[in-house]
N, C-alpha and C. Protein backbone atom coordinates (compact mmCIF):
# COMPACT_ATOMS: atom_id res chain seq x y z
N MET A 1 101.39 113.96 97.05
CA MET A 1 102.59 114.36 96.47
C MET A 1 102.67 115.44 96.91
N SER A 2 103.59 115.80 97.84
CA SER A 2 103.89 116.91 98.68
C SER A 2 104.99 117.51 98.01
N ILE A 3 105.03 119.01 98.18
CA ILE A 3 105.56 120.38 97.46
C ILE A 3 106.79 119.71 97.17
N GLU A 4 108.10 119.03 98.60
CA GLU A 4 108.96 118.59 98.38
C GLU A 4 109.41 117.75 97.22
N ASP A 5 108.48 117.12 97.07
CA ASP A 5 108.83 115.90 95.91
C ASP A 5 108.08 116.65 94.54
N TYR A 6 107.27 117.48 95.05
CA TYR A 6 107.02 118.70 93.37
C TYR A 6 108.59 118.86 92.79
N LEU A 7 109.02 119.97 94.24
CA LEU A 7 109.78 120.35 93.55
C LEU A 7 110.89 119.98 93.41
N THR A 8 111.31 118.51 93.96
CA THR A 8 112.08 117.83 93.53
C THR A 8 112.43 116.81 92.59
N TYR A 9 111.02 116.23 91.81
CA TYR A 9 111.08 115.39 90.84
C TYR A 9 110.48 116.19 89.28
N ILE A 10 110.18 117.32 89.80
CA ILE A 10 109.25 117.87 88.45
C ILE A 10 110.34 119.90 88.06
N ILE A 11 110.39 119.76 89.34
CA ILE A 11 111.15 121.91 88.95
C ILE A 11 112.29 121.68 89.02
N LEU A 12 113.21 120.73 89.57
CA LEU A 12 114.49 120.38 89.62
C LEU A 12 115.20 120.27 88.36
N PRO A 13 114.15 118.76 87.39
CA PRO A 13 114.68 118.62 86.27
C PRO A 13 114.30 119.32 84.82
N LEU A 14 113.46 120.37 85.41
CA LEU A 14 113.34 121.15 84.18
C LEU A 14 114.07 122.42 84.39
N LEU A 15 114.57 122.69 85.64
CA LEU A 15 115.22 123.56 85.22
C LEU A 15 116.80 123.24 84.88
N SER A 16 117.12 122.19 85.27
CA SER A 16 118.80 121.44 84.85
C SER A 16 118.11 121.31 82.90
N THR A 17 117.48 121.16 82.73
CA THR A 17 117.02 120.89 81.32
C THR A 17 117.11 122.28 80.19
N SER A 18 116.25 123.67 81.08
CA SER A 18 116.40 124.49 80.66
C SER A 18 118.23 125.36 81.38
N THR A 19 119.21 124.97 82.03
CA THR A 19 119.72 125.44 81.83
C THR A 19 121.02 125.18 80.73
N LEU A 20 120.73 123.55 80.51
CA LEU A 20 121.29 123.04 79.20
C LEU A 20 120.78 123.94 78.28
N LEU A 21 119.52 123.93 77.85
CA LEU A 21 119.63 124.58 76.46
C LEU A 21 119.73 126.50 76.22
N VAL A 22 119.91 126.82 77.78
CA VAL A 22 120.31 127.87 77.55
C VAL A 22 121.88 128.32 77.65
N PHE A 23 122.36 127.53 77.76
CA PHE A 23 123.85 126.85 77.75
C PHE A 23 124.49 127.03 76.49
N ILE A 24 123.48 126.59 75.68
CA ILE A 24 123.97 126.02 74.59
C ILE A 24 124.14 127.44 73.37
N ARG A 25 123.00 128.43 74.20
CA ARG A 25 122.29 129.30 73.45
C ARG A 25 123.31 130.46 73.70
N PHE A 26 124.09 130.58 74.68
CA PHE A 26 125.02 131.15 75.05
C PHE A 26 126.25 131.05 74.04
N LEU A 27 126.61 129.58 74.45
CA LEU A 27 127.65 129.66 73.48
C LEU A 27 127.57 130.09 71.91
N MET A 28 126.31 129.74 71.40
CA MET A 28 126.22 129.79 70.26
C MET A 28 125.40 131.20 69.54
N GLY A 29 125.43 131.72 70.69
CA GLY A 29 124.99 133.22 70.11
C GLY A 29 125.40 134.35 69.13
N PRO A 30 125.34 134.38 68.10
CA PRO A 30 125.68 134.90 67.27
C PRO A 30 125.97 136.62 67.34
N THR A 31 125.50 137.17 68.34
CA THR A 31 125.96 138.18 68.54
C THR A 31 125.89 138.73 69.95
N LEU A 32 126.55 139.78 70.30
CA LEU A 32 127.61 140.10 71.77
C LEU A 32 125.57 139.60 73.00
N PRO A 33 124.56 140.90 71.85
CA PRO A 33 123.57 141.02 73.29
C PRO A 33 122.69 139.90 73.15
N ASP A 34 123.05 138.72 72.54
CA ASP A 34 122.59 137.48 72.21
C ASP A 34 122.91 136.19 73.77
N ARG A 35 124.34 136.76 73.91
CA ARG A 35 125.16 136.34 74.37
C ARG A 35 124.97 136.60 76.21
N VAL A 36 124.63 137.79 75.95
CA VAL A 36 124.26 138.84 77.70
C VAL A 36 122.81 138.10 78.31
N VAL A 37 122.03 138.38 77.29
CA VAL A 37 120.98 138.10 77.78
C VAL A 37 120.40 136.52 77.86
N ALA A 38 121.25 135.68 77.32
CA ALA A 38 121.98 134.26 77.83
C ALA A 38 122.17 133.81 79.38
N LEU A 39 123.19 135.21 78.92
CA LEU A 39 123.87 134.51 80.87
C LEU A 39 123.24 134.97 82.15
N ASP A 40 122.26 136.36 81.58
CA ASP A 40 121.49 136.78 82.55
C ASP A 40 120.19 135.95 82.74
N LEU A 41 119.75 135.13 81.46
CA LEU A 41 118.95 133.95 81.92
C LEU A 41 119.26 132.71 82.60
N LEU A 42 121.20 132.45 82.65
CA LEU A 42 121.43 131.60 83.05
C LEU A 42 121.52 131.87 84.81
N ILE A 43 121.70 133.13 85.40
CA ILE A 43 122.05 133.64 86.28
C ILE A 43 119.91 133.66 87.13
N THR A 44 119.69 133.71 86.35
CA THR A 44 118.14 133.34 87.11
C THR A 44 117.42 132.02 86.99
N ILE A 45 117.75 131.65 86.27
CA ILE A 45 117.72 129.66 86.33
C ILE A 45 118.95 129.45 87.67
N GLY A 46 119.58 129.92 88.00
CA GLY A 46 120.44 129.57 89.07
C GLY A 46 120.34 130.14 90.24
N ILE A 47 119.79 131.20 90.41
CA ILE A 47 118.94 132.05 91.67
C ILE A 47 117.54 131.11 92.01
N SER A 48 116.97 130.91 90.87
CA SER A 48 116.08 129.57 91.32
C SER A 48 116.40 128.53 91.87
N ILE A 49 117.33 127.57 91.47
CA ILE A 49 117.99 126.60 91.86
C ILE A 49 118.42 126.67 93.23
N ILE A 50 118.89 127.69 93.75
CA ILE A 50 119.38 128.34 95.44
C ILE A 50 117.76 128.26 95.59
N ALA A 51 116.93 129.41 95.04
CA ALA A 51 115.89 128.96 95.52
C ALA A 51 114.59 127.76 95.85
N VAL A 52 114.79 126.77 94.89
CA VAL A 52 114.31 125.52 94.95
C VAL A 52 114.70 124.73 96.10
N TYR A 53 116.40 124.66 96.31
CA TYR A 53 117.48 124.00 97.21
C TYR A 53 116.94 124.82 98.81
N SER A 54 116.63 125.98 98.75
CA SER A 54 116.30 126.67 100.47
C SER A 54 115.02 126.21 100.37
N ILE A 55 114.46 125.83 99.84
CA ILE A 55 112.96 125.13 100.19
C ILE A 55 112.74 123.56 100.48
N VAL A 56 113.59 123.11 99.57
CA VAL A 56 113.40 121.50 100.10
C VAL A 56 114.63 121.13 100.99
N THR A 57 115.55 122.48 101.52
CA THR A 57 116.19 121.66 102.51
C THR A 57 115.57 122.64 103.58
N LYS A 58 114.84 123.08 103.45
CA LYS A 58 114.29 124.26 104.71
C LYS A 58 115.22 125.13 105.64
N ARG A 59 115.88 125.58 104.72
CA ARG A 59 117.25 126.44 105.38
C ARG A 59 117.05 128.10 104.79
N PRO A 60 116.28 128.83 105.40
CA PRO A 60 116.28 130.26 104.88
C PRO A 60 117.52 130.85 104.34
N SER A 61 118.31 130.57 104.93
CA SER A 61 119.55 131.39 104.43
C SER A 61 120.46 131.68 103.23
N PHE A 62 119.83 130.54 102.25
CA PHE A 62 120.00 130.48 100.86
C PHE A 62 119.23 131.78 100.36
N LEU A 63 118.09 131.64 101.14
CA LEU A 63 117.22 133.03 100.28
C LEU A 63 118.06 134.13 99.71
N ASP A 64 119.24 134.55 101.14
CA ASP A 64 120.07 135.62 101.18
C ASP A 64 120.64 135.83 99.96
N ILE A 65 121.69 134.38 100.10
CA ILE A 65 122.43 134.19 98.42
C ILE A 65 121.83 134.54 97.14
N ALA A 66 120.47 134.10 97.17
CA ALA A 66 119.81 134.18 96.17
C ALA A 66 119.02 135.64 95.78
N MET A 67 119.42 136.23 97.09
CA MET A 67 118.55 137.86 96.65
C MET A 67 120.04 138.60 96.23
N ILE A 68 121.04 138.43 96.64
CA ILE A 68 122.28 139.14 96.44
C ILE A 68 122.77 138.47 94.85
N PHE A 69 122.89 137.70 94.46
CA PHE A 69 122.77 137.13 92.80
C PHE A 69 121.91 137.72 92.65
N ALA A 70 120.80 137.91 92.71
CA ALA A 70 120.22 138.80 91.73
C ALA A 70 120.24 139.94 91.86
N LEU A 71 120.55 140.93 92.95
CA LEU A 71 120.98 142.27 92.78
C LEU A 71 122.13 142.30 91.58
N ILE A 72 123.28 141.40 92.00
CA ILE A 72 124.40 141.80 91.23
C ILE A 72 124.14 140.99 89.76
N ALA A 73 122.88 140.32 89.43
CA ALA A 73 122.77 140.32 88.15
C ALA A 73 122.21 141.29 87.44
N PHE A 74 121.10 141.96 88.21
CA PHE A 74 120.51 143.47 87.56
C PHE A 74 121.80 144.53 87.35
N LEU A 75 122.60 144.47 88.52
CA LEU A 75 123.41 145.67 87.93
C LEU A 75 124.69 145.06 86.88
N SER A 76 125.25 143.85 86.53
CA SER A 76 125.85 143.70 85.72
C SER A 76 124.80 143.72 84.51
N THR A 77 123.61 143.66 83.81
CA THR A 77 122.96 143.95 82.86
C THR A 77 122.58 145.50 82.65
N VAL A 78 122.39 145.84 83.83
CA VAL A 78 122.59 148.08 83.46
C VAL A 78 123.53 148.22 83.23
N ALA A 79 124.87 147.49 83.86
CA ALA A 79 126.26 147.56 83.03
C ALA A 79 126.54 147.90 81.78
N PHE A 80 126.48 146.44 80.71
CA PHE A 80 125.99 145.99 80.06
C PHE A 80 125.22 146.89 78.98
N SER A 81 124.03 147.22 79.00
CA SER A 81 122.84 148.10 78.71
C SER A 81 124.05 149.53 78.32
N TYR A 82 124.50 149.77 79.17
CA TYR A 82 125.37 151.19 79.60
C TYR A 82 126.16 151.02 78.32
N TYR A 83 126.96 149.76 78.43
CA TYR A 83 128.39 149.60 77.58
C TYR A 83 127.68 150.07 76.15
N LEU A 84 126.73 149.02 75.74
CA LEU A 84 125.92 149.06 74.70
C LEU A 84 125.82 150.24 74.22
N GLU A 85 125.09 150.80 74.75
CA GLU A 85 124.35 152.20 74.51
C GLU A 85 126.14 153.33 73.58
N LYS A 86 126.54 153.43 74.70
CA LYS A 86 127.82 154.10 74.34
C LYS A 86 128.07 153.45 73.34
N ARG A 87 128.60 152.11 72.86
CA ARG A 87 129.55 151.93 71.47
C ARG A 87 128.68 152.24 70.64
N LYS A 88 127.73 152.36 70.64
CA LYS A 88 126.29 152.84 69.40
C LYS A 88 126.89 153.94 69.32
N ARG A 89 126.88 154.59 70.14
CA ARG A 89 127.35 156.04 69.88
C ARG A 89 128.77 156.57 69.61
N ASN A 90 129.58 155.80 69.79
CA ASN A 90 130.85 156.18 69.10
C ASN A 90 130.83 155.89 67.70
N GLU A 91 129.51 154.66 67.43
CA GLU A 91 129.93 154.22 65.91
C GLU A 91 129.50 155.13 64.85
């Protein structure tokens, strides 16, 4: 079994299943921080799917896209935590 087979037949189905479960958590999250963590995890899973696709298709240009998504996800998480901290102080 080559690495491409391993990625295609094992890793991608696991990532797809985890995407479904995290999306359900995103919809059912009782609080806003739970939903933001689920959204951050969805973005992280998307980044890993892009990375696996890049490896399978042998196109390293997709790794640049994954890195940009990772930076955007990090900045959005920091912005949300800043928002929550401001909101907590005003209450």
